Amino acid sequence: MFALVATTLLAQDRPPTTEEITKAYESKVSEQVHRILFWEKRFAIFTVRDVRGWDIRFKHLTHESVGPVVKQRYQAVAKKASGCHEYGVTHVTPIGPLPHHVKRHIQVDDLGQVACK
């Protein structure tokens, strides 16, 4: 019993996985797609609360249009009392008529532990 409780507590202290960050990002973007993607792109900041006790803050860094594709980069910081962890999120979306070879893609890179601000 004690081992199960200890294992559960250790799992909650680990920073979110890249899959959890991807799901959190997708859930927030699908809720606010027009506001985030098309309105005030340079200043878009949003927070996802409580992913295993971690609050994740996404901050828009860059927006680049190349042909039929929009590439956006975000900084994601997961924060909890035990510390902060940083991720890089790259979101590629096709615009206009969708070419069959261009697909929506989200890539999350784990950048490691950072000092909390």
Protein backbone atom coordinates (compact mmCIF):
# COMPACT_ATOMS: atom_id res chain seq x y z
CA MET A 1 0.00 0.00 0.00
CA PHE A 2 2.78 2.43 0.99
CA ALA A 3 4.68 1.71 -2.24
CA LEU A 4 1.58 2.51 -4.31
CA VAL A 5 1.08 5.85 -2.53
CA ALA A 6 4.79 6.74 -2.84
CA THR A 7 4.78 5.83 -6.55
CA THR A 8 1.69 7.97 -7.15
CA LEU A 9 3.25 10.95 -5.36
CA LEU A 10 6.48 10.62 -7.35
CA ALA A 11 4.51 10.47 -10.61
CA GLN A 12 2.71 13.70 -9.70
CA ASP A 13 6.02 15.49 -9.00
CA ARG A 14 7.47 14.62 -12.41
CA PRO A 15 6.99 17.41 -14.94
CA PRO A 16 4.32 16.92 -17.59
CA THR A 17 5.29 14.76 -20.55
CA THR A 18 5.46 16.16 -24.05
CA GLU A 19 2.22 14.28 -24.82
CA GLU A 20 0.46 16.02 -21.89
CA ILE A 21 1.75 19.41 -23.09
CA THR A 22 0.49 18.64 -26.61
CA LYS A 23 -2.97 17.69 -25.32
CA ALA A 24 -3.14 20.81 -23.10
CA TYR A 25 -2.11 23.05 -26.02
CA GLU A 26 -4.61 21.43 -28.41
CA SER A 27 -7.45 21.74 -25.90
CA LYS A 28 -6.82 25.44 -25.37
CA VAL A 29 -6.24 26.27 -29.03
CA SER A 30 -9.41 24.46 -30.11
CA GLU A 31 -11.37 26.55 -27.56
CA GLN A 32 -9.89 29.90 -28.62
CA VAL A 33 -8.67 29.33 -32.16
CA HIS A 34 -9.79 32.71 -33.54
CA ARG A 35 -8.54 34.80 -30.64
CA ILE A 36 -5.15 33.09 -30.40
CA LEU A 37 -4.34 32.45 -34.05
CA PHE A 38 -5.75 35.57 -35.69
CA TRP A 39 -6.04 38.29 -33.04
CA GLU A 40 -3.01 39.79 -31.31
CA LYS A 41 -0.70 36.98 -32.40
CA ARG A 42 2.34 38.64 -30.89
CA PHE A 43 0.88 38.88 -27.40
CA ALA A 44 -1.13 35.66 -27.07
CA ILE A 45 -0.63 34.18 -23.62
CA PHE A 46 -2.86 31.53 -22.14
CA THR A 47 -2.77 29.14 -19.20
CA VAL A 48 -3.95 25.58 -18.76
CA ARG A 49 -4.58 24.76 -15.12
CA ASP A 50 -4.03 21.51 -13.31
CA VAL A 51 -2.29 18.95 -15.45
CA ARG A 52 -1.42 16.59 -12.57
CA GLY A 53 -1.12 19.66 -10.32
CA TRP A 54 1.03 21.66 -12.77
CA ASP A 55 -0.11 24.98 -14.28
CA ILE A 56 1.12 25.40 -17.86
CA ARG A 57 1.54 28.88 -19.33
CA PHE A 58 1.89 29.24 -23.10
CA LYS A 59 3.43 32.40 -24.54
CA HIS A 60 3.42 33.14 -28.27
CA LEU A 61 6.95 33.81 -29.60
CA THR A 62 6.85 33.93 -33.41
CA HIS A 63 4.43 33.77 -36.33
CA GLU A 64 5.68 33.03 -39.82
CA SER A 65 3.78 32.46 -43.08
CA VAL A 66 5.52 30.50 -45.81
CA GLY A 67 3.36 29.68 -48.80
CA PRO A 68 0.31 27.68 -47.74
CA VAL A 69 1.65 27.13 -44.20
CA VAL A 70 1.60 29.15 -40.98
CA LYS A 71 4.28 28.25 -38.44
CA GLN A 72 3.88 29.48 -34.88
CA ARG A 73 6.22 28.99 -31.95
CA TYR A 74 5.27 29.10 -28.29
CA GLN A 75 7.16 28.85 -25.04
CA ALA A 76 5.42 26.65 -22.48
CA VAL A 77 6.38 26.74 -18.80
CA ALA A 78 4.92 24.20 -16.40
CA LYS A 79 4.92 25.54 -12.84
CA LYS A 80 4.39 23.82 -9.52
CA ALA A 81 5.68 24.30 -6.00
CA SER A 82 8.46 21.81 -6.75
CA GLY A 83 9.79 23.95 -9.63
CA CYS A 84 9.38 24.97 -13.25
CA HIS A 85 9.94 23.08 -16.49
CA GLU A 86 10.20 24.61 -19.97
CA TYR A 87 9.01 23.33 -23.35
CA GLY A 88 9.14 24.61 -26.91
CA VAL A 89 5.96 24.21 -28.96
CA THR A 90 5.92 24.50 -32.76
CA HIS A 91 2.50 24.53 -34.43
CA VAL A 92 2.32 24.22 -38.22
CA THR A 93 -1.08 24.73 -39.89
CA PRO A 94 -2.03 24.88 -43.54
CA ILE A 95 -4.08 27.88 -44.72
CA GLY A 96 -6.43 28.22 -47.64
CA PRO A 97 -7.27 25.19 -49.76
CA LEU A 98 -5.46 22.29 -48.14
CA PRO A 99 -2.84 20.59 -50.28
CA HIS A 100 -2.92 16.85 -49.63
CA HIS A 101 0.75 16.78 -48.56
CA VAL A 102 0.44 19.56 -45.93
CA LYS A 103 -0.94 18.46 -42.57
CA ARG A 104 -1.46 20.23 -39.25
CA HIS A 105 1.42 19.35 -36.95
CA ILE A 106 2.32 20.14 -33.34
CA GLN A 107 5.80 19.40 -32.06
CA VAL A 108 6.74 19.76 -28.39
CA ASP A 109 10.39 19.80 -27.30
CA ASP A 110 11.32 19.28 -23.65
CA LEU A 111 13.85 22.02 -22.82
CA GLY A 112 14.39 20.98 -19.20
CA GLN A 113 14.11 22.52 -15.78
CA VAL A 114 14.30 26.32 -15.46
CA ALA A 115 14.27 28.85 -12.64
CA CYS A 116 10.77 30.02 -11.79
CA LYS A 117 10.02 33.69 -12.39
